[in-house]
Structures are given as structure tokens and as C-alpha cells.
PDB file of N, CA and C in Angstrom:
ATOM      1  N   MET A   1      -2.139  -8.806  22.539  1.00  0.00           N
ATOM      2  CA  MET A   1      -0.469  -8.369  21.519  1.00  0.00           C
ATOM      3  C   MET A   1       0.077  -9.412  21.340  1.00  0.00           C
ATOM      4  N   ILE A   2       0.175 -10.006  22.458  1.00  0.00           N
ATOM      5  CA  ILE A   2       0.897 -11.695  22.161  1.00  0.00           C
ATOM      6  C   ILE A   2       0.423 -12.359  21.233  1.00  0.00           C
ATOM      7  N   LEU A   3      -0.788 -12.880  21.325  1.00  0.00           N
ATOM      8  CA  LEU A   3      -1.390 -13.595  19.968  1.00  0.00           C
ATOM      9  C   LEU A   3      -1.117 -12.992  18.791  1.00  0.00           C
ATOM     10  N   GLY A   4      -1.580 -11.651  18.441  1.00  0.00           N
ATOM     11  CA  GLY A   4      -0.763 -11.560  17.038  1.00  0.00           C
ATOM     12  C   GLY A   4       0.548 -11.111  16.483  1.00  0.00           C
ATOM     13  N   PHE A   5       1.270 -11.269  17.551  1.00  0.00           N
ATOM     14  CA  PHE A   5       2.654 -11.105  17.553  1.00  0.00           C
ATOM     15  C   PHE A   5       3.189 -12.917  17.247  1.00  0.00           C
ATOM     16  N   VAL A   6       2.477 -13.254  18.067  1.00  0.00           N
ATOM     17  CA  VAL A   6       2.607 -14.951  17.841  1.00  0.00           C
ATOM     18  C   VAL A   6       2.503 -15.189  16.268  1.00  0.00           C
ATOM     19  N   ILE A   7       0.717 -15.558  15.871  1.00  0.00           N
ATOM     20  CA  ILE A   7       0.509 -15.345  14.784  1.00  0.00           C
ATOM     21  C   ILE A   7       0.917 -14.757  13.504  1.00  0.00           C
ATOM     22  N   ALA A   8       1.532 -13.627  13.498  1.00  0.00           N
ATOM     23  CA  ALA A   8       2.508 -12.754  12.684  1.00  0.00           C
ATOM     24  C   ALA A   8       3.894 -13.391  12.277  1.00  0.00           C
ATOM     25  N   TRP A   9       4.498 -14.259  13.534  1.00  0.00           N
ATOM     26  CA  TRP A   9       5.573 -14.512  13.692  1.00  0.00           C
ATOM     27  C   TRP A   9       5.029 -16.426  12.904  1.00  0.00           C
ATOM     28  N   LEU A  10       4.094 -17.112  13.471  1.00  0.00           N
ATOM     29  CA  LEU A  10       4.175 -18.765  12.686  1.00  0.00           C
ATOM     30  C   LEU A  10       3.995 -18.070  11.068  1.00  0.00           C
ATOM     31  N   LEU A  11       3.103 -16.900  10.926  1.00  0.00           N
ATOM     32  CA  LEU A  11       3.295 -16.918   9.118  1.00  0.00           C
ATOM     33  C   LEU A  11       3.805 -16.156   8.196  1.00  0.00           C
ATOM     34  N   ILE A  12       5.048 -16.083   8.960  1.00  0.00           N
ATOM     35  CA  ILE A  12       6.229 -15.597   8.307  1.00  0.00           C
ATOM     36  C   ILE A  12       7.337 -16.538   8.224  1.00  0.00           C
ATOM     37  N   ASP A  13       7.412 -17.290   8.954  1.00  0.00           N
ATOM     38  CA  ASP A  13       8.579 -18.718   9.596  1.00  0.00           C
ATOM     39  C   ASP A  13       7.303 -19.965   8.676  1.00  0.00           C
ATOM     40  N   LEU A  14       6.144 -20.168   8.435  1.00  0.00           N
ATOM     41  CA  LEU A  14       5.553 -20.678   7.395  1.00  0.00           C
ATOM     42  C   LEU A  14       5.811 -20.226   5.816  1.00  0.00           C
ATOM     43  N   SER A  15       6.437 -19.128   5.141  1.00  0.00           N
ATOM     44  CA  SER A  15       6.668 -18.374   4.206  1.00  0.00           C
ATOM     45  C   SER A  15       7.735 -18.741   3.833  1.00  0.00           C
ATOM     46  N   GLU A  16       8.596 -18.606   4.638  1.00  0.00           N
ATOM     47  CA  GLU A  16       9.909 -18.595   4.520  1.00  0.00           C
ATOM     48  C   GLU A  16      10.375 -19.904   4.382  1.00  0.00           C
ATOM     49  N   ALA A  17       9.917 -21.051   5.510  1.00  0.00           N
ATOM     50  CA  ALA A  17       9.894 -22.066   4.648  1.00  0.00           C
ATOM     51  C   ALA A  17       9.493 -22.953   3.590  1.00  0.00           C
ATOM     52  N   GLY A  18       8.646 -22.368   3.049  1.00  0.00           N
ATOM     53  CA  GLY A  18       7.931 -22.924   1.586  1.00  0.00           C
ATOM     54  C   GLY A  18       6.359 -23.393   1.882  1.00  0.00           C
ATOM     55  N   ALA A  19       5.910 -23.251   3.002  1.00  0.00           N
ATOM     56  CA  ALA A  19       4.693 -24.166   3.125  1.00  0.00           C
ATOM     57  C   ALA A  19       3.882 -23.237   3.012  1.00  0.00           C
ATOM     58  N   ILE A  20       3.846 -21.739   2.591  1.00  0.00           N
ATOM     59  CA  ILE A  20       2.755 -21.114   2.022  1.00  0.00           C
ATOM     60  C   ILE A  20       3.439 -20.172   1.504  1.00  0.00           C
ATOM     61  N   GLU A  21       2.867 -19.309   0.191  1.00  0.00           N
ATOM     62  CA  GLU A  21       3.215 -17.937  -0.170  1.00  0.00           C
ATOM     63  C   GLU A  21       3.328 -17.030   0.759  1.00  0.00           C
ATOM     64  N   PRO A  22       3.607 -16.184   0.594  1.00  0.00           N
ATOM     65  CA  PRO A  22       3.822 -15.025   1.554  1.00  0.00           C
ATOM     66  C   PRO A  22       2.408 -13.899   0.914  1.00  0.00           C
ATOM     67  N   VAL A  23       2.234 -13.865  -0.105  1.00  0.00           N
ATOM     68  CA  VAL A  23       1.199 -13.173  -0.188  1.00  0.00           C
ATOM     69  C   VAL A  23      -0.558 -13.925   0.459  1.00  0.00           C
ATOM     70  N   THR A  24      -0.203 -15.114   0.955  1.00  0.00           N
ATOM     71  CA  THR A  24      -1.210 -16.026   1.489  1.00  0.00           C
ATOM     72  C   THR A  24      -1.666 -15.732   2.897  1.00  0.00           C
ATOM     73  N   ALA A  25      -0.177 -15.652   3.854  1.00  0.00           N
ATOM     74  CA  ALA A  25       0.086 -14.892   4.961  1.00  0.00           C
ATOM     75  C   ALA A  25      -0.869 -13.703   4.888  1.00  0.00           C
ATOM     76  N   LEU A  26      -0.534 -12.745   3.965  1.00  0.00           N
ATOM     77  CA  LEU A  26      -0.923 -11.993   4.059  1.00  0.00           C
ATOM     78  C   LEU A  26      -2.466 -11.917   4.004  1.00  0.00           C
ATOM     79  N   TYR A  27      -3.315 -12.056   3.752  1.00  0.00           N
ATOM     80  CA  TYR A  27      -4.798 -12.637   3.449  1.00  0.00           C
ATOM     81  C   TYR A  27      -4.866 -13.206   4.538  1.00  0.00           C
ATOM     82  N   LEU A  28      -4.375 -13.808   5.214  1.00  0.00           N
ATOM     83  CA  LEU A  28      -5.007 -15.163   6.561  1.00  0.00           C
ATOM     84  C   LEU A  28      -5.378 -13.828   7.365  1.00  0.00           C
ATOM     85  N   ILE A  29      -4.266 -12.673   7.459  1.00  0.00           N
ATOM     86  CA  ILE A  29      -4.399 -11.243   8.398  1.00  0.00           C
ATOM     87  C   ILE A  29      -5.020 -10.356   8.238  1.00  0.00           C
ATOM     88  N   ALA A  30      -5.885 -10.317   6.509  1.00  0.00           N
ATOM     89  CA  ALA A  30      -6.275  -9.357   6.104  1.00  0.00           C
ATOM     90  C   ALA A  30      -7.018  -8.688   7.115  1.00  0.00           C
ATOM     91  N   LEU A  31      -7.918  -8.843   7.703  1.00  0.00           N
ATOM     92  CA  LEU A  31      -9.074  -7.812   8.655  1.00  0.00           C
ATOM     93  C   LEU A  31      -8.165  -7.310   9.813  1.00  0.00           C
ATOM     94  N   PRO A  32      -7.351  -8.274  10.190  1.00  0.00           N
ATOM     95  CA  PRO A  32      -6.687  -7.029  11.343  1.00  0.00           C
ATOM     96  C   PRO A  32      -6.112  -5.924  10.907  1.00  0.00           C
ATOM     97  N   LEU A  33      -5.127  -6.431   9.204  1.00  0.00           N
ATOM     98  CA  LEU A  33      -4.351  -5.359   8.850  1.00  0.00           C
ATOM     99  C   LEU A  33      -5.105  -4.030   8.482  1.00  0.00           C
ATOM    100  N   MET A  34      -6.279  -4.660   7.959  1.00  0.00           N
ATOM    101  CA  MET A  34      -6.705  -3.402   7.456  1.00  0.00           C
ATOM    102  C   MET A  34      -7.813  -2.656   8.530  1.00  0.00           C
ATOM    103  N   ASP A  35      -8.479  -3.222   9.358  1.00  0.00           N
ATOM    104  CA  ASP A  35      -8.359  -2.694  10.444  1.00  0.00           C
ATOM    105  C   ASP A  35      -7.207  -1.757  10.954  1.00  0.00           C
ATOM    106  N   ALA A  36      -6.206  -1.820  11.530  1.00  0.00           N
ATOM    107  CA  ALA A  36      -5.146  -1.424  11.241  1.00  0.00           C
ATOM    108  C   ALA A  36      -4.537  -0.124  11.304  1.00  0.00           C
ATOM    109  N   ALA A  37      -4.799  -0.100   9.585  1.00  0.00           N
ATOM    110  CA  ALA A  37      -4.604   0.518   8.628  1.00  0.00           C
ATOM    111  C   ALA A  37      -5.899   1.964   8.387  1.00  0.00           C
ATOM    112  N   ALA A  38      -7.208   1.550   8.527  1.00  0.00           N
ATOM    113  CA  ALA A  38      -8.285   1.999   8.914  1.00  0.00           C
ATOM    114  C   ALA A  38      -8.206   3.036  10.159  1.00  0.00           C
ATOM    115  N   VAL A  39      -8.078   2.564  11.098  1.00  0.00           N
ATOM    116  CA  VAL A  39      -7.932   2.982  12.457  1.00  0.00           C
ATOM    117  C   VAL A  39      -6.496   4.429  12.237  1.00  0.00           C
ATOM    118  N   LEU A  40      -5.411   4.183  11.632  1.00  0.00           N
ATOM    119  CA  LEU A  40      -4.382   4.741  12.249  1.00  0.00           C
ATOM    120  C   LEU A  40      -4.541   6.287  10.928  1.00  0.00           C
ATOM    121  N   LEU A  41      -5.604   5.686  10.135  1.00  0.00           N
ATOM    122  CA  LEU A  41      -5.551   6.644   8.765  1.00  0.00           C
ATOM    123  C   LEU A  41      -6.691   7.776   9.625  1.00  0.00           C
ATOM    124  N   ARG A  42      -7.786   7.139   9.735  1.00  0.00           N
ATOM    125  CA  ARG A  42      -8.816   8.175  10.796  1.00  0.00           C
ATOM    126  C   ARG A  42      -8.522   9.049  11.961  1.00  0.00           C
ATOM    127  N   ARG A  43      -7.884   8.365  12.508  1.00  0.00           N
ATOM    128  CA  ARG A  43      -6.641   8.971  13.361  1.00  0.00           C
ATOM    129  C   ARG A  43      -6.195  10.481  12.972  1.00  0.00           C
ATOM    130  N   ARG A  44      -5.032  10.091  11.593  1.00  0.00           N
ATOM    131  CA  ARG A  44      -4.125  10.700  11.190  1.00  0.00           C
ATOM    132  C   ARG A  44      -4.639  11.385  10.744  1.00  0.00           C
ATOM    133  N   PHE A  45      -6.115  12.189  10.094  1.00  0.00           N
ATOM    134  CA  PHE A  45      -6.797  12.651   9.262  1.00  0.00           C
ATOM    135  C   PHE A  45      -7.946  13.681  10.239  1.00  0.00           C
ATOM    136  N   SER A  46      -7.822  13.252  11.216  1.00  0.00           N
ATOM    137  CA  SER A  46      -8.583  13.406  12.023  1.00  0.00           C
ATOM    138  C   SER A  46      -7.773  14.301  13.326  1.00  0.00           C
ATOM    139  N   GLY A  47      -6.205  14.357  13.297  1.00  0.00           N
ATOM    140  CA  GLY A  47      -5.557  15.252  13.809  1.00  0.00           C
ATOM    141  C   GLY A  47      -5.550  14.986  15.661  1.00  0.00           C
ATOM    142  N   ARG A  48      -5.765  13.276  15.601  1.00  0.00           N
ATOM    143  CA  ARG A  48      -5.447  12.978  16.552  1.00  0.00           C
ATOM    144  C   ARG A  48      -3.724  12.089  16.547  1.00  0.00           C
ATOM    145  N   ALA A  49      -3.341  11.722  17.594  1.00  0.00           N
ATOM    146  CA  ALA A  49      -2.496  11.308  17.751  1.00  0.00           C
ATOM    147  C   ALA A  49      -2.510   9.559  17.117  1.00  0.00           C
ATOM    148  N   VAL A  50      -2.348   9.322  16.136  1.00  0.00           N
ATOM    149  CA  VAL A  50      -2.057   7.477  15.638  1.00  0.00           C
ATOM    150  C   VAL A  50      -2.148   6.550  17.170  1.00  0.00           C
ATOM    151  N   THR A  51      -1.535   6.649  18.178  1.00  0.00           N
ATOM    152  CA  THR A  51      -1.264   5.903  18.811  1.00  0.00           C
ATOM    153  C   THR A  51      -2.066   6.186  20.046  1.00  0.00           C
ATOM    154  N   ALA A  52      -3.137   7.155  20.196  1.00  0.00           N
ATOM    155  CA  ALA A  52      -3.992   7.145  21.253  1.00  0.00           C
ATOM    156  C   ALA A  52      -4.987   6.157  21.458  1.00  0.00           C
ATOM    157  N   ALA A  53      -5.468   6.066  22.138  1.00  0.00           N
ATOM    158  CA  ALA A  53      -6.420   5.138  22.420  1.00  0.00           C
ATOM    159  C   ALA A  53      -7.936   5.597  21.939  1.00  0.00           C
ATOM    160  N   GLY A  54      -8.491   4.846  21.659  1.00  0.00           N
ATOM    161  CA  GLY A  54     -10.067   4.896  21.122  1.00  0.00           C
ATOM    162  C   GLY A  54     -10.770   4.032  20.670  1.00  0.00           C
ATOM    163  N   ARG A  55     -12.220   4.333  20.616  1.00  0.00           N
ATOM    164  CA  ARG A  55     -13.122   3.494  20.361  1.00  0.00           C
ATOM    165  C   ARG A  55     -13.441   2.860  18.968  1.00  0.00           C
ATOM    166  N   ASP A  56     -12.585   3.482  17.634  1.00  0.00           N
ATOM    167  CA  ASP A  56     -12.816   3.211  16.816  1.00  0.00           C
ATOM    168  C   ASP A  56     -12.331   2.090  15.802  1.00  0.00           C
ATOM    169  N   HIS A  57     -11.998   0.708  16.555  1.00  0.00           N
ATOM    170  CA  HIS A  57     -11.727  -0.088  15.495  1.00  0.00           C
ATOM    171  C   HIS A  57     -13.086  -0.888  15.310  1.00  0.00           C
ATOM    172  N   PHE A  58     -13.037  -1.496  13.679  1.00  0.00           N
ATOM    173  CA  PHE A  58     -13.794  -2.661  13.622  1.00  0.00           C
ATOM    174  C   PHE A  58     -15.011  -3.136  14.828  1.00  0.00           C
ATOM    175  N   HIS A  59     -14.596  -3.825  15.319  1.00  0.00           N
ATOM    176  CA  HIS A  59     -15.269  -3.730  16.307  1.00  0.00           C
ATOM    177  C   HIS A  59     -16.278  -3.251  17.601  1.00  0.00           C
ATOM    178  N   HIS A  60     -15.794  -1.851  17.127  1.00  0.00           N
ATOM    179  CA  HIS A  60     -16.584  -1.088  18.068  1.00  0.00           C
ATOM    180  C   HIS A  60     -17.447  -0.252  17.348  1.00  0.00           C
ATOM    181  N   LEU A  61     -16.347  -0.704  16.113  1.00  0.00           N
ATOM    182  CA  LEU A  61     -17.982   0.470  14.880  1.00  0.00           C
ATOM    183  C   LEU A  61     -19.023  -0.564  14.697  1.00  0.00           C
ATOM    184  N   LEU A  62     -18.973  -1.967  14.915  1.00  0.00           N
ATOM    185  CA  LEU A  62     -20.078  -2.521  14.754  1.00  0.00           C
ATOM    186  C   LEU A  62     -20.889  -2.964  15.927  1.00  0.00           C
ATOM    187  N   ARG A  63     -20.115  -2.998  17.081  1.00  0.00           N
ATOM    188  CA  ARG A  63     -20.913  -2.710  18.589  1.00  0.00           C
ATOM    189  C   ARG A  63     -21.913  -2.021  18.581  1.00  0.00           C
ATOM    190  N   ASN A  64     -21.020  -0.376  18.047  1.00  0.00           N
ATOM    191  CA  ASN A  64     -21.834   1.249  18.173  1.00  0.00           C
ATOM    192  C   ASN A  64     -23.455   0.463  17.133  1.00  0.00           C
ATOM    193  N   ARG A  65     -23.410  -0.013  15.949  1.00  0.00           N
ATOM    194  CA  ARG A  65     -24.469  -0.206  15.156  1.00  0.00           C
ATOM    195  C   ARG A  65     -25.418  -1.002  15.490  1.00  0.00           C
ATOM    196  N   GLY A  66     -25.160  -1.793  16.990  1.00  0.00           N
ATOM    197  CA  GLY A  66     -26.028  -2.041  17.626  1.00  0.00           C
ATOM    198  C   GLY A  66     -26.409  -3.701  17.600  1.00  0.00           C
ATOM    199  N   PHE A  67     -25.406  -4.276  17.103  1.00  0.00           N
ATOM    200  CA  PHE A  67     -25.076  -5.424  16.745  1.00  0.00           C
ATOM    201  C   PHE A  67     -24.592  -6.025  18.198  1.00  0.00           C
ATOM    202  N   SER A  68     -24.866  -7.502  18.839  1.00  0.00           N
ATOM    203  CA  SER A  68     -24.249  -8.073  20.004  1.00  0.00           C
ATOM    204  C   SER A  68     -22.884  -8.279  20.032  1.00  0.00           C
ATOM    205  N   VAL A  69     -22.260  -8.725  21.568  1.00  0.00           N
ATOM    206  CA  VAL A  69     -20.936  -9.237  20.841  1.00  0.00           C
ATOM    207  C   VAL A  69     -20.953 -10.332  19.851  1.00  0.00           C
ATOM    208  N   SER A  70     -21.949 -11.522  20.382  1.00  0.00           N
ATOM    209  CA  SER A  70     -21.764 -12.467  20.048  1.00  0.00           C
ATOM    210  C   SER A  70     -21.719 -12.156  18.332  1.00  0.00           C
ATOM    211  N   GLY A  71     -22.474 -11.381  17.684  1.00  0.00           N
ATOM    212  CA  GLY A  71     -22.993 -10.880  16.119  1.00  0.00           C
ATOM    213  C   GLY A  71     -21.880 -10.470  15.850  1.00  0.00           C
ATOM    214  N   THR A  72     -21.294  -9.378  16.529  1.00  0.00           N
ATOM    215  CA  THR A  72     -19.971  -8.417  16.467  1.00  0.00           C
ATOM    216  C   THR A  72     -18.582  -9.742  16.098  1.00  0.00           C
ATOM    217  N   VAL A  73     -18.574 -10.480  16.943  1.00  0.00           N
ATOM    218  CA  VAL A  73     -17.328 -11.711  16.415  1.00  0.00           C
ATOM    219  C   VAL A  73     -17.998 -12.766  15.489  1.00  0.00           C
ATOM    220  N   ALA A  74     -19.627 -13.292  15.116  1.00  0.00           N
ATOM    221  CA  ALA A  74     -19.326 -14.030  14.084  1.00  0.00           C
ATOM    222  C   ALA A  74     -19.301 -12.938  12.757  1.00  0.00           C
ATOM    223  N   ILE A  75     -19.535 -11.832  12.834  1.00  0.00           N
ATOM    224  CA  ILE A  75     -19.155 -10.915  11.539  1.00  0.00           C
ATOM    225  C   ILE A  75     -17.702 -11.109  11.113  1.00  0.00           C
ATOM    226  N   ILE A  76     -17.121 -10.983  12.206  1.00  0.00           N
ATOM    227  CA  ILE A  76     -15.520 -10.653  12.016  1.00  0.00           C
ATOM    228  C   ILE A  76     -14.869 -11.904  11.950  1.00  0.00           C
ATOM    229  N   HIS A  77     -15.567 -13.073  12.052  1.00  0.00           N
ATOM    230  CA  HIS A  77     -14.885 -14.048  11.665  1.00  0.00           C
ATOM    231  C   HIS A  77     -15.820 -14.711  10.646  1.00  0.00           C
ATOM    232  N   THR A  78     -16.873 -14.533   9.599  1.00  0.00           N
ATOM    233  CA  THR A  78     -17.036 -14.648   8.798  1.00  0.00           C
ATOM    234  C   THR A  78     -15.952 -13.675   7.672  1.00  0.00           C
ATOM    235  N   LEU A  79     -15.942 -12.280   8.028  1.00  0.00           N
ATOM    236  CA  LEU A  79     -14.929 -12.114   6.920  1.00  0.00           C
ATOM    237  C   LEU A  79     -14.056 -12.004   7.364  1.00  0.00           C
ATOM    238  N   ALA A  80     -13.199 -12.494   7.736  1.00  0.00           N
ATOM    239  CA  ALA A  80     -12.103 -13.018   7.877  1.00  0.00           C
ATOM    240  C   ALA A  80     -11.675 -14.389   7.321  1.00  0.00           C
ATOM    241  N   LEU A  81     -12.966 -15.224   7.282  1.00  0.00           N
ATOM    242  CA  LEU A  81     -12.844 -16.471   6.618  1.00  0.00           C
ATOM    243  C   LEU A  81     -12.579 -16.367   5.055  1.00  0.00           C
ATOM    244  N   LEU A  82     -13.746 -15.741   4.762  1.00  0.00           N
ATOM    245  CA  LEU A  82     -13.788 -14.890   3.481  1.00  0.00           C
ATOM    246  C   LEU A  82     -12.252 -14.803   3.025  1.00  0.00           C
ATOM    247  N   MET A  83     -11.509 -13.904   3.615  1.00  0.00           N
ATOM    248  CA  MET A  83     -10.931 -13.267   2.898  1.00  0.00           C
ATOM    249  C   MET A  83      -9.607 -14.507   2.884  1.00  0.00           C
ATOM    250  N   ALA A  84      -9.525 -15.230   3.953  1.00  0.00           N
ATOM    251  CA  ALA A  84      -8.627 -16.263   3.731  1.00  0.00           C
ATOM    252  C   ALA A  84      -8.696 -17.389   2.488  1.00  0.00           C
ATOM    253  N   ALA A  85     -10.256 -17.171   2.865  1.00  0.00           N
ATOM    254  CA  ALA A  85     -10.557 -18.555   1.303  1.00  0.00           C
ATOM    255  C   ALA A  85     -10.510 -17.951   0.074  1.00  0.00           C
ATOM    256  N   VAL A  86     -10.072 -16.489   0.005  1.00  0.00           N
ATOM    257  CA  VAL A  86     -10.081 -15.865  -1.481  1.00  0.00           C
ATOM    258  C   VAL A  86      -8.601 -16.093  -1.868  1.00  0.00           C
ATOM    259  N   GLY A  87      -7.482 -15.806  -0.453  1.00  0.00           N
ATOM    260  CA  GLY A  87      -6.375 -15.797  -0.557  1.00  0.00           C
ATOM    261  C   GLY A  87      -5.744 -17.408  -1.159  1.00  0.00           C
ATOM    262  N   ILE A  88      -6.160 -18.238  -0.033  1.00  0.00           N
ATOM    263  CA  ILE A  88      -6.151 -19.784   0.126  1.00  0.00           C
ATOM    264  C   ILE A  88      -6.282 -19.875  -1.619  1.00  0.00           C
ATOM    265  N   GLY A  89      -7.704 -19.989  -2.369  1.00  0.00           N
ATOM    266  CA  GLY A  89      -8.255 -20.061  -3.366  1.00  0.00           C
ATOM    267  C   GLY A  89      -7.298 -19.546  -4.396  1.00  0.00           C
ATOM    268  N   LEU A  90      -6.800 -18.694  -4.522  1.00  0.00           N
ATOM    269  CA  LEU A  90      -5.848 -17.847  -5.683  1.00  0.00           C
ATOM    270  C   LEU A  90      -4.495 -18.272  -5.676  1.00  0.00           C
ATOM    271  N   GLU A  91      -4.365 -18.557  -4.363  1.00  0.00           N
ATOM    272  CA  GLU A  91      -2.895 -19.751  -4.121  1.00  0.00           C
ATOM    273  C   GLU A  91      -2.930 -21.062  -4.991  1.00  0.00           C
ATOM    274  N   MET A  92      -3.745 -21.946  -4.857  1.00  0.00           N
ATOM    275  CA  MET A  92      -4.350 -22.398  -5.517  1.00  0.00           C
ATOM    276  C   MET A  92      -4.343 -22.770  -6.894  1.00  0.00           C
ATOM    277  N   LEU A  93      -5.111 -21.408  -7.065  1.00  0.00           N
ATOM    278  CA  LEU A  93      -5.665 -21.128  -8.796  1.00  0.00           C
ATOM    279  C   LEU A  93      -4.222 -20.904  -9.222  1.00  0.00           C
ATOM    280  N   ARG A  94      -2.966 -20.029  -8.638  1.00  0.00           N
ATOM    281  CA  ARG A  94      -2.007 -19.906  -9.215  1.00  0.00           C
ATOM    282  C   ARG A  94      -2.064 -18.961 -10.567  1.00  0.00           C
TER     283      ARG A  94
END
């Protein structure tokens, strides 16, 4: 959790300093944000507490589908890089 906090703080600081656009900061952390939102919605609609522990995060779903740990990491990193590339590319195109 501390790593997520530090990354979020760094992105907020960079966007406030004008080094990156605020929307680009969102693209850089899009996958963890979408994962958290999906987990919260899934838990809410299933009647569970949204703060309850569970194995319904994206990496758990990939592991349950039979992907290895290294395969799961590769998929998550590839998706995160693609989302970041889209955000940075759109910022460069304005």
C-alpha cells in the first residue's frame, strides 16, 4: 500500500508542477484504478462488504484461469504499458 501511495503522490506532484498533464497521470495508473473499481463494484453487487478481503482482484482472476505467476505479471505489465503508452501518445498529439 505504501508503494501505491508513493506512486500516487509522485504523479500528483508531477501534474501540479506541470511536468505531465493530470489525465496522463490517470493513464499511468489506469490498470490499478480499474481493478480497484471493478472489485468494489463486484463486492457491492454481490452483497459483500466492499472492504472485505477476497481473491477477486485481476491478478487472482488470471491465476484462477491457469496462468503462471510470471505469465500473470507479464500480462499485467503489458496491459499497464499499453495504457500508459496510449495516455502519453494522446498527450503528445494533444
